């Protein structure tokens, strides 16, 4: 019966060092836990987004100088860019710092 031949096909789809059913997708490892780094980056970006939105609305309504709106938007760009670069570097250098390929996924 064909079912017996293909019942274990999932374990053969990914080669060593790959994740899931997408060929070539590598395991995510970071210098620090990649999930924690992504959560911290997300929270940091959301807090900065909310703060800059409030400052921009206050500037539109005339409660603060328009200069503060531009400073808020610039801060949002800097924080978002820094968080994205941090996550990318964490995941990019993770395998080399940890000593190559590991079987454990963080």
PDB file of N, CA and C in Angstrom:
ATOM      1  N   UNK A   1       0.831  -1.179   0.000  1.00  0.00           N
ATOM      2  CA  UNK A   1       0.000   0.000   0.000  1.00  0.00           C
ATOM      3  C   UNK A   1       0.881   1.249   0.000  1.00  0.00           C
ATOM      4  N   UNK A   2       0.482   2.272  -0.713  1.00  0.00           N
ATOM      5  CA  UNK A   2       1.284   3.477  -0.874  1.00  0.00           C
ATOM      6  C   UNK A   2       1.445   4.261   0.425  1.00  0.00           C
ATOM      7  N   UNK A   3       0.487   4.208   1.316  1.00  0.00           N
ATOM      8  CA  UNK A   3       0.556   4.978   2.553  1.00  0.00           C
ATOM      9  C   UNK A   3       1.763   4.556   3.374  1.00  0.00           C
ATOM     10  N   UNK A   4       2.083   3.300   3.391  1.00  0.00           N
ATOM     11  CA  UNK A   4       3.221   2.819   4.159  1.00  0.00           C
ATOM     12  C   UNK A   4       4.527   3.363   3.606  1.00  0.00           C
ATOM     13  N   UNK A   5       4.617   3.595   2.318  1.00  0.00           N
ATOM     14  CA  UNK A   5       5.844   4.086   1.709  1.00  0.00           C
ATOM     15  C   UNK A   5       6.067   5.576   1.963  1.00  0.00           C
ATOM     16  N   UNK A   6       4.997   6.349   2.094  1.00  0.00           N
ATOM     17  CA  UNK A   6       5.167   7.788   2.225  1.00  0.00           C
ATOM     18  C   UNK A   6       4.877   8.308   3.630  1.00  0.00           C
ATOM     19  N   UNK A   7       4.632   7.462   4.583  1.00  0.00           N
ATOM     20  CA  UNK A   7       4.269   7.944   5.909  1.00  0.00           C
ATOM     21  C   UNK A   7       5.385   8.719   6.589  1.00  0.00           C
ATOM     22  N   UNK A   8       6.624   8.480   6.230  1.00  0.00           N
ATOM     23  CA  UNK A   8       7.750   9.149   6.866  1.00  0.00           C
ATOM     24  C   UNK A   8       8.404  10.179   5.945  1.00  0.00           C
ATOM     25  N   UNK A   9       7.697  10.667   4.973  1.00  0.00           N
ATOM     26  CA  UNK A   9       8.276  11.570   3.990  1.00  0.00           C
ATOM     27  C   UNK A   9       8.695  12.898   4.613  1.00  0.00           C
ATOM     28  N   UNK A  10       8.052  13.332   5.686  1.00  0.00           N
ATOM     29  CA  UNK A  10       8.378  14.617   6.280  1.00  0.00           C
ATOM     30  C   UNK A  10       9.801  14.672   6.817  1.00  0.00           C
ATOM     31  N   UNK A  11      10.292  13.579   7.364  1.00  0.00           N
ATOM     32  CA  UNK A  11      11.647  13.627   7.913  1.00  0.00           C
ATOM     33  C   UNK A  11      12.704  13.625   6.820  1.00  0.00           C
ATOM     34  N   UNK A  12      12.340  13.300   5.595  1.00  0.00           N
ATOM     35  CA  UNK A  12      13.302  13.276   4.505  1.00  0.00           C
ATOM     36  C   UNK A  12      13.288  14.558   3.680  1.00  0.00           C
ATOM     37  N   UNK A  13      12.314  15.428   3.898  1.00  0.00           N
ATOM     38  CA  UNK A  13      12.224  16.644   3.094  1.00  0.00           C
ATOM     39  C   UNK A  13      13.316  17.657   3.446  1.00  0.00           C
ATOM     40  N   UNK A  14      13.609  17.814   4.710  1.00  0.00           N
ATOM     41  CA  UNK A  14      14.623  18.780   5.115  1.00  0.00           C
ATOM     42  C   UNK A  14      15.952  18.096   5.327  1.00  0.00           C
ATOM     43  N   UNK A  15      17.018  18.690   4.798  1.00  0.00           N
ATOM     44  CA  UNK A  15      18.336  18.124   5.026  1.00  0.00           C
ATOM     45  C   UNK A  15      18.887  18.666   6.335  1.00  0.00           C
ATOM     46  N   UNK A  16      20.079  18.256   6.703  1.00  0.00           N
ATOM     47  CA  UNK A  16      20.680  18.680   7.959  1.00  0.00           C
ATOM     48  C   UNK A  16      20.922  20.180   7.949  1.00  0.00           C
ATOM     49  N   UNK A  17      20.477  20.862   8.968  1.00  0.00           N
ATOM     50  CA  UNK A  17      20.651  22.301   9.053  1.00  0.00           C
ATOM     51  C   UNK A  17      19.519  23.098   8.443  1.00  0.00           C
ATOM     52  N   UNK A  18      18.496  22.452   7.950  1.00  0.00           N
ATOM     53  CA  UNK A  18      17.368  23.157   7.369  1.00  0.00           C
ATOM     54  C   UNK A  18      16.144  22.983   8.251  1.00  0.00           C
ATOM     55  N   UNK A  19      15.207  23.878   8.103  1.00  0.00           N
ATOM     56  CA  UNK A  19      14.001  23.865   8.914  1.00  0.00           C
ATOM     57  C   UNK A  19      12.789  23.742   8.011  1.00  0.00           C
ATOM     58  N   UNK A  20      11.839  22.929   8.414  1.00  0.00           N
ATOM     59  CA  UNK A  20      10.554  22.869   7.737  1.00  0.00           C
ATOM     60  C   UNK A  20      10.612  22.260   6.366  1.00  0.00           C
ATOM     61  N   UNK A  21       9.651  22.635   5.556  1.00  0.00           N
ATOM     62  CA  UNK A  21       9.500  22.055   4.233  1.00  0.00           C
ATOM     63  C   UNK A  21      10.069  22.940   3.135  1.00  0.00           C
ATOM     64  N   UNK A  22      10.687  24.049   3.504  1.00  0.00           N
ATOM     65  CA  UNK A  22      11.246  24.960   2.515  1.00  0.00           C
ATOM     66  C   UNK A  22      12.715  24.612   2.301  1.00  0.00           C
ATOM     67  N   UNK A  23      13.078  24.144   1.116  1.00  0.00           N
ATOM     68  CA  UNK A  23      14.488  23.796   0.883  1.00  0.00           C
ATOM     69  C   UNK A  23      15.374  25.032   0.972  1.00  0.00           C
ATOM     70  N   UNK A  24      16.491  24.889   1.635  1.00  0.00           N
ATOM     71  CA  UNK A  24      17.448  25.976   1.747  1.00  0.00           C
ATOM     72  C   UNK A  24      17.220  26.901   2.914  1.00  0.00           C
ATOM     73  N   UNK A  25      16.123  26.755   3.632  1.00  0.00           N
ATOM     74  CA  UNK A  25      15.870  27.613   4.785  1.00  0.00           C
ATOM     75  C   UNK A  25      16.675  27.079   5.961  1.00  0.00           C
ATOM     76  N   UNK A  26      17.525  27.939   6.530  1.00  0.00           N
ATOM     77  CA  UNK A  26      18.406  27.478   7.590  1.00  0.00           C
ATOM     78  C   UNK A  26      17.743  27.611   8.956  1.00  0.00           C
ATOM     79  N   UNK A  27      18.309  26.893   9.924  1.00  0.00           N
ATOM     80  CA  UNK A  27      17.831  27.028  11.290  1.00  0.00           C
ATOM     81  C   UNK A  27      18.184  28.413  11.800  1.00  0.00           C
ATOM     82  N   UNK A  28      17.277  29.013  12.559  1.00  0.00           N
ATOM     83  CA  UNK A  28      17.551  30.318  13.130  1.00  0.00           C
ATOM     84  C   UNK A  28      18.275  30.141  14.454  1.00  0.00           C
ATOM     85  N   UNK A  29      19.486  30.650  14.504  1.00  0.00           N
ATOM     86  CA  UNK A  29      20.247  30.664  15.740  1.00  0.00           C
ATOM     87  C   UNK A  29      20.812  32.059  15.882  1.00  0.00           C
ATOM     88  N   UNK A  30      20.857  32.529  17.081  1.00  0.00           N
ATOM     89  CA  UNK A  30      21.431  33.833  17.313  1.00  0.00           C
ATOM     90  C   UNK A  30      22.469  33.771  18.409  1.00  0.00           C
ATOM     91  N   UNK A  31      23.236  34.840  18.523  1.00  0.00           N
ATOM     92  CA  UNK A  31      24.180  34.932  19.627  1.00  0.00           C
ATOM     93  C   UNK A  31      23.386  34.893  20.929  1.00  0.00           C
ATOM     94  N   UNK A  32      22.292  35.640  20.960  1.00  0.00           N
ATOM     95  CA  UNK A  32      21.320  35.494  22.034  1.00  0.00           C
ATOM     96  C   UNK A  32      20.084  34.856  21.409  1.00  0.00           C
ATOM     97  N   UNK A  33      19.146  34.454  22.209  1.00  0.00           N
ATOM     98  CA  UNK A  33      17.945  33.779  21.726  1.00  0.00           C
ATOM     99  C   UNK A  33      17.265  34.637  20.658  1.00  0.00           C
ATOM    100  N   UNK A  34      17.112  34.080  19.445  1.00  0.00           N
ATOM    101  CA  UNK A  34      16.565  34.868  18.335  1.00  0.00           C
ATOM    102  C   UNK A  34      15.117  35.273  18.563  1.00  0.00           C
ATOM    103  N   UNK A  35      14.357  34.450  19.253  1.00  0.00           N
ATOM    104  CA  UNK A  35      12.961  34.816  19.535  1.00  0.00           C
ATOM    105  C   UNK A  35      12.899  36.002  20.489  1.00  0.00           C
ATOM    106  N   UNK A  36      13.745  35.972  21.520  1.00  0.00           N
ATOM    107  CA  UNK A  36      13.781  37.074  22.474  1.00  0.00           C
ATOM    108  C   UNK A  36      14.232  38.369  21.793  1.00  0.00           C
ATOM    109  N   UNK A  37      15.229  38.268  20.918  1.00  0.00           N
ATOM    110  CA  UNK A  37      15.714  39.462  20.212  1.00  0.00           C
ATOM    111  C   UNK A  37      14.620  40.046  19.332  1.00  0.00           C
ATOM    112  N   UNK A  38      13.851  39.193  18.663  1.00  0.00           N
ATOM    113  CA  UNK A  38      12.769  39.692  17.808  1.00  0.00           C
ATOM    114  C   UNK A  38      11.647  40.311  18.628  1.00  0.00           C
ATOM    115  N   UNK A  39      11.328  39.723  19.773  1.00  0.00           N
ATOM    116  CA  UNK A  39      10.271  40.273  20.624  1.00  0.00           C
ATOM    117  C   UNK A  39      10.688  41.625  21.174  1.00  0.00           C
ATOM    118  N   UNK A  40      11.934  41.731  21.644  1.00  0.00           N
ATOM    119  CA  UNK A  40      12.422  43.004  22.178  1.00  0.00           C
ATOM    120  C   UNK A  40      12.434  44.066  21.082  1.00  0.00           C
ATOM    121  N   UNK A  41      12.872  43.708  19.883  1.00  0.00           N
ATOM    122  CA  UNK A  41      12.893  44.662  18.775  1.00  0.00           C
ATOM    123  C   UNK A  41      11.473  45.105  18.424  1.00  0.00           C
ATOM    124  N   UNK A  42      10.542  44.167  18.401  1.00  0.00           N
ATOM    125  CA  UNK A  42       9.145  44.503  18.089  1.00  0.00           C
ATOM    126  C   UNK A  42       8.571  45.460  19.127  1.00  0.00           C
ATOM    127  N   UNK A  43       8.771  45.161  20.400  1.00  0.00           N
ATOM    128  CA  UNK A  43       8.235  46.017  21.467  1.00  0.00           C
ATOM    129  C   UNK A  43       8.871  47.399  21.405  1.00  0.00           C
ATOM    130  N   UNK A  44      10.165  47.451  21.171  1.00  0.00           N
ATOM    131  CA  UNK A  44      10.855  48.739  21.083  1.00  0.00           C
ATOM    132  C   UNK A  44      10.332  49.573  19.924  1.00  0.00           C
ATOM    133  N   UNK A  45      10.126  48.944  18.778  1.00  0.00           N
ATOM    134  CA  UNK A  45       9.603  49.669  17.619  1.00  0.00           C
ATOM    135  C   UNK A  45       8.168  50.134  17.863  1.00  0.00           C
ATOM    136  N   UNK A  46       7.353  49.296  18.482  1.00  0.00           N
ATOM    137  CA  UNK A  46       5.959  49.684  18.755  1.00  0.00           C
ATOM    138  C   UNK A  46       5.899  50.859  19.726  1.00  0.00           C
ATOM    139  N   UNK A  47       6.710  50.827  20.781  1.00  0.00           N
ATOM    140  CA  UNK A  47       6.712  51.927  21.752  1.00  0.00           C
ATOM    141  C   UNK A  47       7.160  53.216  21.074  1.00  0.00           C
ATOM    142  N   UNK A  48       8.193  53.143  20.255  1.00  0.00           N
ATOM    143  CA  UNK A  48       8.667  54.332  19.544  1.00  0.00           C
ATOM    144  C   UNK A  48       7.629  54.830  18.551  1.00  0.00           C
ATOM    145  N   UNK A  49       6.931  53.911  17.886  1.00  0.00           N
ATOM    146  CA  UNK A  49       5.891  54.291  16.935  1.00  0.00           C
ATOM    147  C   UNK A  49       4.745  55.016  17.636  1.00  0.00           C
ATOM    148  N   UNK A  50       4.325  54.494  18.770  1.00  0.00           N
ATOM    149  CA  UNK A  50       3.234  55.146  19.519  1.00  0.00           C
ATOM    150  C   UNK A  50       3.674  56.525  20.004  1.00  0.00           C
ATOM    151  N   UNK A  51       4.885  56.625  20.533  1.00  0.00           N
ATOM    152  CA  UNK A  51       5.362  57.912  21.034  1.00  0.00           C
ATOM    153  C   UNK A  51       5.487  58.937  19.911  1.00  0.00           C
ATOM    154  N   UNK A  52       6.030  58.521  18.769  1.00  0.00           N
ATOM    155  CA  UNK A  52       6.175  59.476  17.667  1.00  0.00           C
ATOM    156  C   UNK A  52       4.819  59.854  17.070  1.00  0.00           C
ATOM    157  N   UNK A  53       3.868  58.929  17.089  1.00  0.00           N
ATOM    158  CA  UNK A  53       2.516  59.261  16.622  1.00  0.00           C
ATOM    159  C   UNK A  53       1.875  60.309  17.521  1.00  0.00           C
ATOM    160  N   UNK A  54       2.038  60.151  18.817  1.00  0.00           N
ATOM    161  CA  UNK A  54       1.479  61.130  19.767  1.00  0.00           C
ATOM    162  C   UNK A  54       2.124  62.490  19.568  1.00  0.00           C
ATOM    163  N   UNK A  55       3.444  62.514  19.413  1.00  0.00           N
ATOM    164  CA  UNK A  55       4.143  63.788  19.211  1.00  0.00           C
ATOM    165  C   UNK A  55       3.716  64.432  17.906  1.00  0.00           C
ATOM    166  N   UNK A  56       3.561  63.631  16.846  1.00  0.00           N
ATOM    167  CA  UNK A  56       3.121  64.193  15.561  1.00  0.00           C
ATOM    168  C   UNK A  56       1.704  64.755  15.652  1.00  0.00           C
ATOM    169  N   UNK A  57       0.820  64.060  16.340  1.00  0.00           N
ATOM    170  CA  UNK A  57      -0.540  64.579  16.508  1.00  0.00           C
ATOM    171  C   UNK A  57      -0.547  65.873  17.319  1.00  0.00           C
ATOM    172  N   UNK A  58       0.257  65.916  18.359  1.00  0.00           N
ATOM    173  CA  UNK A  58       0.353  67.149  19.146  1.00  0.00           C
ATOM    174  C   UNK A  58       0.917  68.302  18.316  1.00  0.00           C
ATOM    175  N   UNK A  59       1.847  67.984  17.422  1.00  0.00           N
ATOM    176  CA  UNK A  59       2.402  69.033  16.558  1.00  0.00           C
ATOM    177  C   UNK A  59       1.373  69.506  15.536  1.00  0.00           C
ATOM    178  N   UNK A  60       0.567  68.597  15.018  1.00  0.00           N
ATOM    179  CA  UNK A  60      -0.472  68.973  14.058  1.00  0.00           C
ATOM    180  C   UNK A  60      -1.513  69.868  14.724  1.00  0.00           C
ATOM    181  N   UNK A  61      -1.854  69.544  15.956  1.00  0.00           N
ATOM    182  CA  UNK A  61      -2.860  70.336  16.664  1.00  0.00           C
ATOM    183  C   UNK A  61      -2.292  71.607  17.270  1.00  0.00           C
ATOM    184  N   UNK A  62      -0.985  71.812  17.167  1.00  0.00           N
ATOM    185  CA  UNK A  62      -0.383  73.055  17.627  1.00  0.00           C
ATOM    186  C   UNK A  62      -0.018  73.083  19.097  1.00  0.00           C
ATOM    187  N   UNK A  63      -0.022  71.972  19.776  1.00  0.00           N
ATOM    188  CA  UNK A  63       0.335  71.945  21.191  1.00  0.00           C
ATOM    189  C   UNK A  63       1.846  71.937  21.406  1.00  0.00           C
ATOM    190  N   UNK A  64       2.581  71.456  20.418  1.00  0.00           N
ATOM    191  CA  UNK A  64       4.049  71.495  20.469  1.00  0.00           C
ATOM    192  C   UNK A  64       4.543  72.046  19.136  1.00  0.00           C
ATOM    193  N   UNK A  65       5.795  72.453  19.119  1.00  0.00           N
ATOM    194  CA  UNK A  65       6.383  73.001  17.889  1.00  0.00           C
ATOM    195  C   UNK A  65       6.515  71.905  16.835  1.00  0.00           C
ATOM    196  N   UNK A  66       6.369  72.254  15.545  1.00  0.00           N
ATOM    197  CA  UNK A  66       6.505  71.259  14.481  1.00  0.00           C
ATOM    198  C   UNK A  66       7.876  70.578  14.453  1.00  0.00           C
ATOM    199  N   UNK A  67       8.853  71.247  15.040  1.00  0.00           N
ATOM    200  CA  UNK A  67      10.191  70.656  15.096  1.00  0.00           C
ATOM    201  C   UNK A  67      10.179  69.334  15.863  1.00  0.00           C
ATOM    202  N   UNK A  68       9.316  69.223  16.858  1.00  0.00           N
ATOM    203  CA  UNK A  68       9.244  67.982  17.646  1.00  0.00           C
ATOM    204  C   UNK A  68       8.703  66.816  16.812  1.00  0.00           C
ATOM    205  N   UNK A  69       7.827  67.104  15.877  1.00  0.00           N
ATOM    206  CA  UNK A  69       7.298  66.044  15.012  1.00  0.00           C
ATOM    207  C   UNK A  69       8.422  65.450  14.175  1.00  0.00           C
ATOM    208  N   UNK A  70       9.276  66.311  13.613  1.00  0.00           N
ATOM    209  CA  UNK A  70      10.393  65.798  12.809  1.00  0.00           C
ATOM    210  C   UNK A  70      11.382  65.031  13.667  1.00  0.00           C
ATOM    211  N   UNK A  71      11.593  65.483  14.882  1.00  0.00           N
ATOM    212  CA  UNK A  71      12.490  64.754  15.795  1.00  0.00           C
ATOM    213  C   UNK A  71      11.897  63.387  16.159  1.00  0.00           C
ATOM    214  N   UNK A  72      10.584  63.347  16.337  1.00  0.00           N
ATOM    215  CA  UNK A  72       9.930  62.069  16.635  1.00  0.00           C
ATOM    216  C   UNK A  72      10.024  61.093  15.476  1.00  0.00           C
ATOM    217  N   UNK A  73       9.809  61.596  14.257  1.00  0.00           N
ATOM    218  CA  UNK A  73       9.923  60.729  13.077  1.00  0.00           C
ATOM    219  C   UNK A  73      11.365  60.265  12.854  1.00  0.00           C
ATOM    220  N   UNK A  74      12.321  61.160  13.093  1.00  0.00           N
ATOM    221  CA  UNK A  74      13.722  60.770  12.962  1.00  0.00           C
ATOM    222  C   UNK A  74      14.088  59.725  14.012  1.00  0.00           C
ATOM    223  N   UNK A  75      13.585  59.903  15.212  1.00  0.00           N
ATOM    224  CA  UNK A  75      13.847  58.912  16.269  1.00  0.00           C
ATOM    225  C   UNK A  75      13.238  57.570  15.921  1.00  0.00           C
ATOM    226  N   UNK A  76      12.034  57.581  15.356  1.00  0.00           N
ATOM    227  CA  UNK A  76      11.392  56.340  14.930  1.00  0.00           C
ATOM    228  C   UNK A  76      12.237  55.627  13.881  1.00  0.00           C
ATOM    229  N   UNK A  77      12.746  56.363  12.911  1.00  0.00           N
ATOM    230  CA  UNK A  77      13.590  55.755  11.887  1.00  0.00           C
ATOM    231  C   UNK A  77      14.877  55.196  12.444  1.00  0.00           C
ATOM    232  N   UNK A  78      15.509  55.920  13.343  1.00  0.00           N
ATOM    233  CA  UNK A  78      16.773  55.467  13.925  1.00  0.00           C
ATOM    234  C   UNK A  78      16.564  54.225  14.784  1.00  0.00           C
ATOM    235  N   UNK A  79      15.547  54.244  15.633  1.00  0.00           N
ATOM    236  CA  UNK A  79      15.294  53.098  16.511  1.00  0.00           C
ATOM    237  C   UNK A  79      14.882  51.870  15.699  1.00  0.00           C
ATOM    238  N   UNK A  80      14.018  52.061  14.704  1.00  0.00           N
ATOM    239  CA  UNK A  80      13.588  50.935  13.867  1.00  0.00           C
ATOM    240  C   UNK A  80      14.764  50.346  13.095  1.00  0.00           C
ATOM    241  N   UNK A  81      15.586  51.203  12.516  1.00  0.00           N
ATOM    242  CA  UNK A  81      16.752  50.724  11.780  1.00  0.00           C
ATOM    243  C   UNK A  81      17.741  49.996  12.678  1.00  0.00           C
ATOM    244  N   UNK A  82      17.988  50.554  13.857  1.00  0.00           N
ATOM    245  CA  UNK A  82      18.925  49.912  14.785  1.00  0.00           C
ATOM    246  C   UNK A  82      18.401  48.560  15.257  1.00  0.00           C
ATOM    247  N   UNK A  83      17.109  48.471  15.534  1.00  0.00           N
ATOM    248  CA  UNK A  83      16.536  47.196  15.974  1.00  0.00           C
ATOM    249  C   UNK A  83      16.606  46.156  14.860  1.00  0.00           C
ATOM    250  N   UNK A  84      16.312  46.556  13.624  1.00  0.00           N
ATOM    251  CA  UNK A  84      16.381  45.626  12.494  1.00  0.00           C
ATOM    252  C   UNK A  84      17.810  45.152  12.253  1.00  0.00           C
ATOM    253  N   UNK A  85      18.765  46.056  12.338  1.00  0.00           N
ATOM    254  CA  UNK A  85      20.172  45.678  12.152  1.00  0.00           C
ATOM    255  C   UNK A  85      20.624  44.754  13.270  1.00  0.00           C
ATOM    256  N   UNK A  86      20.193  45.035  14.513  1.00  0.00           N
ATOM    257  CA  UNK A  86      20.559  44.172  15.631  1.00  0.00           C
ATOM    258  C   UNK A  86      20.040  42.757  15.436  1.00  0.00           C
ATOM    259  N   UNK A  87      18.783  42.616  15.035  1.00  0.00           N
ATOM    260  CA  UNK A  87      18.210  41.280  14.821  1.00  0.00           C
ATOM    261  C   UNK A  87      18.930  40.572  13.682  1.00  0.00           C
ATOM    262  N   UNK A  88      19.221  41.286  12.608  1.00  0.00           N
ATOM    263  CA  UNK A  88      19.919  40.671  11.477  1.00  0.00           C
ATOM    264  C   UNK A  88      21.330  40.224  11.866  1.00  0.00           C
ATOM    265  N   UNK A  89      22.048  41.054  12.587  1.00  0.00           N
ATOM    266  CA  UNK A  89      23.396  40.668  13.018  1.00  0.00           C
ATOM    267  C   UNK A  89      23.354  39.526  14.017  1.00  0.00           C
ATOM    268  N   UNK A  90      22.388  39.540  14.908  1.00  0.00           N
ATOM    269  CA  UNK A  90      22.258  38.463  15.890  1.00  0.00           C
ATOM    270  C   UNK A  90      22.046  37.125  15.195  1.00  0.00           C
ATOM    271  N   UNK A  91      21.158  37.095  14.214  1.00  0.00           N
ATOM    272  CA  UNK A  91      20.885  35.841  13.514  1.00  0.00           C
ATOM    273  C   UNK A  91      21.979  35.499  12.510  1.00  0.00           C
ATOM    274  N   UNK A  92      22.651  36.496  11.970  1.00  0.00           N
ATOM    275  CA  UNK A  92      23.704  36.246  10.995  1.00  0.00           C
ATOM    276  C   UNK A  92      24.972  35.695  11.614  1.00  0.00           C
ATOM    277  N   UNK A  93      25.348  36.235  12.774  1.00  0.00           N
ATOM    278  CA  UNK A  93      26.577  35.796  13.419  1.00  0.00           C
ATOM    279  C   UNK A  93      26.360  34.695  14.438  1.00  0.00           C
ATOM    280  N   UNK A  94      25.127  34.308  14.680  1.00  0.00           N
ATOM    281  CA  UNK A  94      24.847  33.272  15.672  1.00  0.00           C
ATOM    282  C   UNK A  94      25.561  31.955  15.429  1.00  0.00           C
ATOM    283  N   UNK A  95      25.438  31.366  14.229  1.00  0.00           N
ATOM    284  CA  UNK A  95      26.100  30.083  13.994  1.00  0.00           C
ATOM    285  C   UNK A  95      27.625  30.156  14.087  1.00  0.00           C
ATOM    286  N   UNK A  96      28.238  31.263  13.644  1.00  0.00           N
ATOM    287  CA  UNK A  96      29.694  31.341  13.689  1.00  0.00           C
ATOM    288  C   UNK A  96      30.198  31.518  15.119  1.00  0.00           C
ATOM    289  N   UNK A  97      29.452  32.239  15.951  1.00  0.00           N
ATOM    290  CA  UNK A  97      29.853  32.425  17.338  1.00  0.00           C
ATOM    291  C   UNK A  97      29.639  31.147  18.134  1.00  0.00           C
ATOM    292  N   UNK A  98      28.567  30.424  17.826  1.00  0.00           N
ATOM    293  CA  UNK A  98      28.268  29.197  18.547  1.00  0.00           C
ATOM    294  C   UNK A  98      29.073  28.002  18.061  1.00  0.00           C
ATOM    295  N   UNK A  99      29.856  28.164  17.030  1.00  0.00           N
ATOM    296  CA  UNK A  99      30.729  27.078  16.601  1.00  0.00           C
ATOM    297  C   UNK A  99      30.188  26.278  15.436  1.00  0.00           C
ATOM    298  N   UNK A 100      29.568  26.923  14.479  1.00  0.00           N
ATOM    299  CA  UNK A 100      29.094  26.202  13.294  1.00  0.00           C
ATOM    300  C   UNK A 100      27.654  25.768  13.426  1.00  0.00           C
ATOM    301  N   UNK A 101      27.328  24.669  12.778  1.00  0.00           N
ATOM    302  CA  UNK A 101      25.943  24.201  12.783  1.00  0.00           C
ATOM    303  C   UNK A 101      25.671  23.404  14.039  1.00  0.00           C
ATOM    304  N   UNK A 102      24.549  23.675  14.632  1.00  0.00           N
ATOM    305  CA  UNK A 102      24.105  22.938  15.813  1.00  0.00           C
ATOM    306  C   UNK A 102      22.803  22.253  15.484  1.00  0.00           C
ATOM    307  N   UNK A 103      22.544  21.171  16.152  1.00  0.00           N
ATOM    308  CA  UNK A 103      21.286  20.457  15.939  1.00  0.00           C
ATOM    309  C   UNK A 103      20.150  21.110  16.721  1.00  0.00           C
ATOM    310  N   UNK A 104      20.459  21.794  17.814  1.00  0.00           N
ATOM    311  CA  UNK A 104      19.421  22.398  18.651  1.00  0.00           C
ATOM    312  C   UNK A 104      19.005  23.728  18.054  1.00  0.00           C
ATOM    313  N   UNK A 105      17.718  23.944  18.042  1.00  0.00           N
ATOM    314  CA  UNK A 105      17.193  25.234  17.589  1.00  0.00           C
ATOM    315  C   UNK A 105      16.850  26.044  18.812  1.00  0.00           C
ATOM    316  N   UNK A 106      17.350  27.292  18.889  1.00  0.00           N
ATOM    317  CA  UNK A 106      17.114  28.150  20.055  1.00  0.00           C
ATOM    318  C   UNK A 106      15.667  28.536  20.140  1.00  0.00           C
TER     319      UNK A 106
END
